[in-house]
């Protein structure tokens, strides 16, 4: 148990049976009433972000979320299969839990799998992924005074805007946070 006044961004806790990660914390103390603690938190099971409001001195249970490095093996149609690189154990995660992550995952990619008390919560992707451009529009001469961009399709099927100099077959870096072009692969 931890007093809510001591919560820090990044800490995981259990409140009313739900698992949360604290994103921001604001403490508000006025002269005539108890301290109000607002914790902007992400529900780790559903992904929703909300404000949990506590009074100063309330306690919540701390939660230890495990991270394990695993390799993405394949998609069996209903779920994605991952393998532990040390023990070779395999786990399946339903496709519906990983809709965003599917835009960047390719076989043999190494990712972190988060779990809490044996329950798999999700996948943590690297900040940037290297993906190959499979289709690309032709560069159009004209207004290039500003950073002109064209559409490209990546090997995972994700559509992204890229600069005019990117060609089909090139490897590019894509940000997994927003899905945008980040640069040429190094």
C-alpha atoms as a PDB file:
ATOM      1  CA  UNK A   1       0.000   0.000   0.000  1.00  0.00           C
ATOM      2  CA  UNK A   2       1.117   3.509  -0.779  1.00  0.00           C
ATOM      3  CA  UNK A   3      -0.360   6.868   0.225  1.00  0.00           C
ATOM      4  CA  UNK A   4      -1.719   8.640  -2.878  1.00  0.00           C
ATOM      5  CA  UNK A   5       0.323  11.753  -1.993  1.00  0.00           C
ATOM      6  CA  UNK A   6       3.433   9.638  -2.762  1.00  0.00           C
ATOM      7  CA  UNK A   7       2.313   8.491  -6.246  1.00  0.00           C
ATOM      8  CA  UNK A   8       4.732   9.409  -9.017  1.00  0.00           C
ATOM      9  CA  UNK A   9       4.283   9.420 -12.795  1.00  0.00           C
ATOM     10  CA  UNK A  10       5.031   5.935 -14.121  1.00  0.00           C
ATOM     11  CA  UNK A  11       3.938   4.119 -10.947  1.00  0.00           C
ATOM     12  CA  UNK A  12       1.356   1.347 -11.298  1.00  0.00           C
ATOM     13  CA  UNK A  13      -1.444   0.909  -8.758  1.00  0.00           C
ATOM     14  CA  UNK A  14      -4.728  -0.910  -8.189  1.00  0.00           C
ATOM     15  CA  UNK A  15      -7.828   1.177  -7.395  1.00  0.00           C
ATOM     16  CA  UNK A  16     -11.377  -0.230  -7.158  1.00  0.00           C
ATOM     17  CA  UNK A  17     -10.207  -3.500  -8.739  1.00  0.00           C
ATOM     18  CA  UNK A  18      -8.722  -1.841 -11.828  1.00  0.00           C
ATOM     19  CA  UNK A  19      -5.047  -1.589 -12.767  1.00  0.00           C
ATOM     20  CA  UNK A  20      -3.738   1.923 -13.518  1.00  0.00           C
ATOM     21  CA  UNK A  21      -0.510   3.667 -14.428  1.00  0.00           C
ATOM     22  CA  UNK A  22      -0.112   7.191 -13.042  1.00  0.00           C
ATOM     23  CA  UNK A  23       0.628   9.686 -15.853  1.00  0.00           C
ATOM     24  CA  UNK A  24       0.366  12.991 -13.948  1.00  0.00           C
ATOM     25  CA  UNK A  25      -0.312  13.958 -10.365  1.00  0.00           C
ATOM     26  CA  UNK A  26      -1.665  17.242  -9.021  1.00  0.00           C
ATOM     27  CA  UNK A  27      -2.006  18.093  -5.333  1.00  0.00           C
ATOM     28  CA  UNK A  28      -4.446  20.826  -4.315  1.00  0.00           C
ATOM     29  CA  UNK A  29      -4.498  21.999  -0.700  1.00  0.00           C
ATOM     30  CA  UNK A  30      -6.745  24.822   0.448  1.00  0.00           C
ATOM     31  CA  UNK A  31      -6.927  26.291   3.940  1.00  0.00           C
ATOM     32  CA  UNK A  32     -10.379  24.995   4.893  1.00  0.00           C
ATOM     33  CA  UNK A  33     -10.410  21.443   3.562  1.00  0.00           C
ATOM     34  CA  UNK A  34      -8.349  18.324   3.092  1.00  0.00           C
ATOM     35  CA  UNK A  35      -5.866  17.955   0.277  1.00  0.00           C
ATOM     36  CA  UNK A  36      -7.348  16.807  -3.036  1.00  0.00           C
ATOM     37  CA  UNK A  37      -5.111  14.521  -5.085  1.00  0.00           C
ATOM     38  CA  UNK A  38      -5.905  14.142  -8.797  1.00  0.00           C
ATOM     39  CA  UNK A  39      -4.087  11.341 -10.550  1.00  0.00           C
ATOM     40  CA  UNK A  40      -4.377  11.373 -14.344  1.00  0.00           C
ATOM     41  CA  UNK A  41      -4.077   7.655 -14.990  1.00  0.00           C
ATOM     42  CA  UNK A  42      -4.188   5.110 -17.801  1.00  0.00           C
ATOM     43  CA  UNK A  43      -6.182   1.932 -17.291  1.00  0.00           C
ATOM     44  CA  UNK A  44      -3.680  -0.737 -18.335  1.00  0.00           C
ATOM     45  CA  UNK A  45      -6.384  -3.243 -19.318  1.00  0.00           C
ATOM     46  CA  UNK A  46      -8.578  -0.991 -21.483  1.00  0.00           C
ATOM     47  CA  UNK A  47      -6.174   1.829 -22.414  1.00  0.00           C
ATOM     48  CA  UNK A  48      -8.597   4.589 -21.324  1.00  0.00           C
ATOM     49  CA  UNK A  49      -7.203   7.663 -19.620  1.00  0.00           C
ATOM     50  CA  UNK A  50      -9.105   9.228 -16.745  1.00  0.00           C
ATOM     51  CA  UNK A  51      -8.703  11.294 -13.578  1.00  0.00           C
ATOM     52  CA  UNK A  52      -8.873   9.424 -10.280  1.00  0.00           C
ATOM     53  CA  UNK A  53      -9.630  11.849  -7.446  1.00  0.00           C
ATOM     54  CA  UNK A  54      -8.541  11.053  -3.887  1.00  0.00           C
ATOM     55  CA  UNK A  55      -8.366  12.918  -0.597  1.00  0.00           C
ATOM     56  CA  UNK A  56      -4.948  13.316   0.991  1.00  0.00           C
ATOM     57  CA  UNK A  57      -3.983  10.281   3.028  1.00  0.00           C
ATOM     58  CA  UNK A  58      -5.986   7.731   0.975  1.00  0.00           C
ATOM     59  CA  UNK A  59      -4.092   4.551   0.192  1.00  0.00           C
ATOM     60  CA  UNK A  60      -3.899   2.459  -2.968  1.00  0.00           C
ATOM     61  CA  UNK A  61      -2.250  -0.879  -3.573  1.00  0.00           C
ATOM     62  CA  UNK A  62       0.940  -0.767  -5.617  1.00  0.00           C
ATOM     63  CA  UNK A  63       1.102  -3.102  -8.606  1.00  0.00           C
ATOM     64  CA  UNK A  64       4.182  -4.729 -10.071  1.00  0.00           C
ATOM     65  CA  UNK A  65       3.844  -5.035 -13.852  1.00  0.00           C
ATOM     66  CA  UNK A  66       6.320  -7.467 -15.397  1.00  0.00           C
ATOM     67  CA  UNK A  67       8.023  -6.788 -18.733  1.00  0.00           C
ATOM     68  CA  UNK A  68       9.471  -9.655 -20.721  1.00  0.00           C
ATOM     69  CA  UNK A  69      11.332  -9.429 -24.010  1.00  0.00           C
ATOM     70  CA  UNK A  70       9.747 -11.681 -26.628  1.00  0.00           C
ATOM     71  CA  UNK A  71       9.902 -12.230 -30.381  1.00  0.00           C
ATOM     72  CA  UNK A  72       6.846 -11.900 -32.596  1.00  0.00           C
ATOM     73  CA  UNK A  73       6.479 -15.168 -34.514  1.00  0.00           C
ATOM     74  CA  UNK A  74       3.298 -15.130 -36.597  1.00  0.00           C
ATOM     75  CA  UNK A  75      -0.369 -14.206 -36.891  1.00  0.00           C
ATOM     76  CA  UNK A  76      -2.704 -17.224 -36.796  1.00  0.00           C
ATOM     77  CA  UNK A  77      -5.753 -15.208 -37.878  1.00  0.00           C
ATOM     78  CA  UNK A  78      -7.325 -14.787 -34.438  1.00  0.00           C
ATOM     79  CA  UNK A  79      -4.266 -13.992 -32.341  1.00  0.00           C
ATOM     80  CA  UNK A  80      -0.589 -13.078 -32.536  1.00  0.00           C
ATOM     81  CA  UNK A  81       1.960 -15.579 -31.250  1.00  0.00           C
ATOM     82  CA  UNK A  82       5.048 -14.434 -29.325  1.00  0.00           C
ATOM     83  CA  UNK A  83       7.993 -16.497 -28.064  1.00  0.00           C
ATOM     84  CA  UNK A  84      10.159 -15.999 -24.973  1.00  0.00           C
ATOM     85  CA  UNK A  85      13.752 -15.759 -26.244  1.00  0.00           C
ATOM     86  CA  UNK A  86      15.180 -17.570 -23.187  1.00  0.00           C
ATOM     87  CA  UNK A  87      12.703 -20.370 -22.416  1.00  0.00           C
ATOM     88  CA  UNK A  88      11.114 -20.689 -25.889  1.00  0.00           C
ATOM     89  CA  UNK A  89       7.639 -20.614 -24.282  1.00  0.00           C
ATOM     90  CA  UNK A  90       4.963 -19.240 -26.581  1.00  0.00           C
ATOM     91  CA  UNK A  91       1.950 -17.067 -25.757  1.00  0.00           C
ATOM     92  CA  UNK A  92      -0.966 -15.884 -27.889  1.00  0.00           C
ATOM     93  CA  UNK A  93      -2.521 -12.428 -27.653  1.00  0.00           C
ATOM     94  CA  UNK A  94      -5.879 -11.768 -29.388  1.00  0.00           C
ATOM     95  CA  UNK A  95      -5.664  -9.521 -32.495  1.00  0.00           C
ATOM     96  CA  UNK A  96      -8.337  -7.233 -31.004  1.00  0.00           C
ATOM     97  CA  UNK A  97      -5.908  -6.254 -28.194  1.00  0.00           C
ATOM     98  CA  UNK A  98      -3.158  -5.253 -30.637  1.00  0.00           C
ATOM     99  CA  UNK A  99      -4.873  -3.313 -33.431  1.00  0.00           C
ATOM    100  CA  UNK A 100      -2.428  -0.355 -33.338  1.00  0.00           C
ATOM    101  CA  UNK A 101       0.652  -2.524 -32.845  1.00  0.00           C
ATOM    102  CA  UNK A 102      -0.235  -4.628 -35.931  1.00  0.00           C
ATOM    103  CA  UNK A 103       0.614  -1.615 -38.117  1.00  0.00           C
ATOM    104  CA  UNK A 104       4.302  -1.957 -37.174  1.00  0.00           C
ATOM    105  CA  UNK A 105       4.938  -5.626 -36.294  1.00  0.00           C
ATOM    106  CA  UNK A 106       6.722  -8.004 -38.638  1.00  0.00           C
ATOM    107  CA  UNK A 107       7.859 -11.564 -37.894  1.00  0.00           C
ATOM    108  CA  UNK A 108      11.000 -11.848 -35.716  1.00  0.00           C
ATOM    109  CA  UNK A 109      10.612  -8.329 -34.246  1.00  0.00           C
ATOM    110  CA  UNK A 110      11.611  -8.195 -30.578  1.00  0.00           C
ATOM    111  CA  UNK A 111       9.130  -6.390 -28.305  1.00  0.00           C
ATOM    112  CA  UNK A 112       8.342  -6.180 -24.590  1.00  0.00           C
ATOM    113  CA  UNK A 113       5.232  -8.001 -23.344  1.00  0.00           C
ATOM    114  CA  UNK A 114       3.678  -6.601 -20.156  1.00  0.00           C
ATOM    115  CA  UNK A 115       1.832  -8.776 -17.679  1.00  0.00           C
ATOM    116  CA  UNK A 116       0.283  -8.454 -14.233  1.00  0.00           C
ATOM    117  CA  UNK A 117      -0.159 -11.552 -12.062  1.00  0.00           C
ATOM    118  CA  UNK A 118      -0.068 -13.822 -15.124  1.00  0.00           C
ATOM    119  CA  UNK A 119      -2.541 -11.696 -17.149  1.00  0.00           C
ATOM    120  CA  UNK A 120      -1.005 -10.420 -20.395  1.00  0.00           C
ATOM    121  CA  UNK A 121      -1.719  -6.688 -20.701  1.00  0.00           C
ATOM    122  CA  UNK A 122      -0.161  -5.845 -24.042  1.00  0.00           C
ATOM    123  CA  UNK A 123       2.890  -5.111 -26.134  1.00  0.00           C
ATOM    124  CA  UNK A 124       5.349  -2.258 -25.757  1.00  0.00           C
ATOM    125  CA  UNK A 125       6.855  -1.416 -29.130  1.00  0.00           C
ATOM    126  CA  UNK A 126      10.207   0.343 -29.557  1.00  0.00           C
ATOM    127  CA  UNK A 127       9.862   4.104 -30.118  1.00  0.00           C
ATOM    128  CA  UNK A 128      10.774   3.695 -33.796  1.00  0.00           C
ATOM    129  CA  UNK A 129      10.558   0.732 -36.146  1.00  0.00           C
ATOM    130  CA  UNK A 130      12.391   0.171 -39.438  1.00  0.00           C
ATOM    131  CA  UNK A 131       9.973  -0.782 -42.222  1.00  0.00           C
ATOM    132  CA  UNK A 132      10.354  -1.205 -45.979  1.00  0.00           C
ATOM    133  CA  UNK A 133       8.417   0.911 -48.473  1.00  0.00           C
ATOM    134  CA  UNK A 134       6.506  -1.470 -50.778  1.00  0.00           C
ATOM    135  CA  UNK A 135       4.501   1.070 -52.809  1.00  0.00           C
ATOM    136  CA  UNK A 136       5.217   4.711 -53.418  1.00  0.00           C
ATOM    137  CA  UNK A 137       3.740   7.479 -55.549  1.00  0.00           C
ATOM    138  CA  UNK A 138       5.966   9.072 -58.138  1.00  0.00           C
ATOM    139  CA  UNK A 139       7.551  12.354 -57.122  1.00  0.00           C
ATOM    140  CA  UNK A 140       5.824  15.339 -58.710  1.00  0.00           C
ATOM    141  CA  UNK A 141       7.856  18.373 -59.713  1.00  0.00           C
ATOM    142  CA  UNK A 142       6.401  21.630 -58.681  1.00  0.00           C
ATOM    143  CA  UNK A 143       5.899  23.386 -55.397  1.00  0.00           C
ATOM    144  CA  UNK A 144       8.840  22.157 -53.351  1.00  0.00           C
ATOM    145  CA  UNK A 145       9.463  25.381 -51.470  1.00  0.00           C
ATOM    146  CA  UNK A 146       8.043  23.693 -48.402  1.00  0.00           C
ATOM    147  CA  UNK A 147       8.532  20.104 -47.355  1.00  0.00           C
ATOM    148  CA  UNK A 148       6.493  18.332 -50.020  1.00  0.00           C
ATOM    149  CA  UNK A 149       5.383  14.799 -49.225  1.00  0.00           C
ATOM    150  CA  UNK A 150       3.852  11.838 -51.031  1.00  0.00           C
ATOM    151  CA  UNK A 151       1.943   8.721 -49.957  1.00  0.00           C
ATOM    152  CA  UNK A 152       3.714   5.424 -49.333  1.00  0.00           C
ATOM    153  CA  UNK A 153       2.591   1.956 -48.248  1.00  0.00           C
ATOM    154  CA  UNK A 154       4.852  -0.016 -45.913  1.00  0.00           C
ATOM    155  CA  UNK A 155       5.429  -3.782 -45.758  1.00  0.00           C
ATOM    156  CA  UNK A 156       2.883  -4.091 -42.917  1.00  0.00           C
ATOM    157  CA  UNK A 157       0.206  -2.289 -44.969  1.00  0.00           C
ATOM    158  CA  UNK A 158       0.496   0.980 -43.016  1.00  0.00           C
ATOM    159  CA  UNK A 159       0.065   4.174 -45.097  1.00  0.00           C
ATOM    160  CA  UNK A 160       2.441   7.012 -44.328  1.00  0.00           C
ATOM    161  CA  UNK A 161       3.464  10.361 -45.821  1.00  0.00           C
ATOM    162  CA  UNK A 162       7.130  10.460 -46.830  1.00  0.00           C
ATOM    163  CA  UNK A 163       9.407  13.087 -48.433  1.00  0.00           C
ATOM    164  CA  UNK A 164       9.675  13.102 -52.227  1.00  0.00           C
ATOM    165  CA  UNK A 165      13.186  11.554 -52.246  1.00  0.00           C
ATOM    166  CA  UNK A 166      12.032   8.249 -50.690  1.00  0.00           C
ATOM    167  CA  UNK A 167      11.800   5.461 -53.281  1.00  0.00           C
ATOM    168  CA  UNK A 168      10.069   2.081 -53.379  1.00  0.00           C
ATOM    169  CA  UNK A 169      12.150  -0.615 -51.648  1.00  0.00           C
ATOM    170  CA  UNK A 170      13.867   1.766 -49.191  1.00  0.00           C
ATOM    171  CA  UNK A 171      13.904   1.162 -45.449  1.00  0.00           C
ATOM    172  CA  UNK A 172      12.503   4.031 -43.364  1.00  0.00           C
ATOM    173  CA  UNK A 173      12.029   4.717 -39.656  1.00  0.00           C
ATOM    174  CA  UNK A 174       8.454   5.147 -38.456  1.00  0.00           C
ATOM    175  CA  UNK A 175       7.431   6.477 -35.039  1.00  0.00           C
ATOM    176  CA  UNK A 176       5.234   3.930 -33.235  1.00  0.00           C
ATOM    177  CA  UNK A 177       3.630   6.666 -31.114  1.00  0.00           C
ATOM    178  CA  UNK A 178       1.888   8.465 -34.004  1.00  0.00           C
ATOM    179  CA  UNK A 179       2.671   6.317 -37.061  1.00  0.00           C
ATOM    180  CA  UNK A 180       4.525   9.101 -38.911  1.00  0.00           C
ATOM    181  CA  UNK A 181       7.710   9.054 -40.981  1.00  0.00           C
ATOM    182  CA  UNK A 182      10.743   9.716 -38.806  1.00  0.00           C
ATOM    183  CA  UNK A 183      13.678   9.372 -41.178  1.00  0.00           C
ATOM    184  CA  UNK A 184      15.673   6.948 -43.270  1.00  0.00           C
ATOM    185  CA  UNK A 185      16.623   3.725 -41.523  1.00  0.00           C
ATOM    186  CA  UNK A 186      20.156   3.747 -40.158  1.00  0.00           C
END
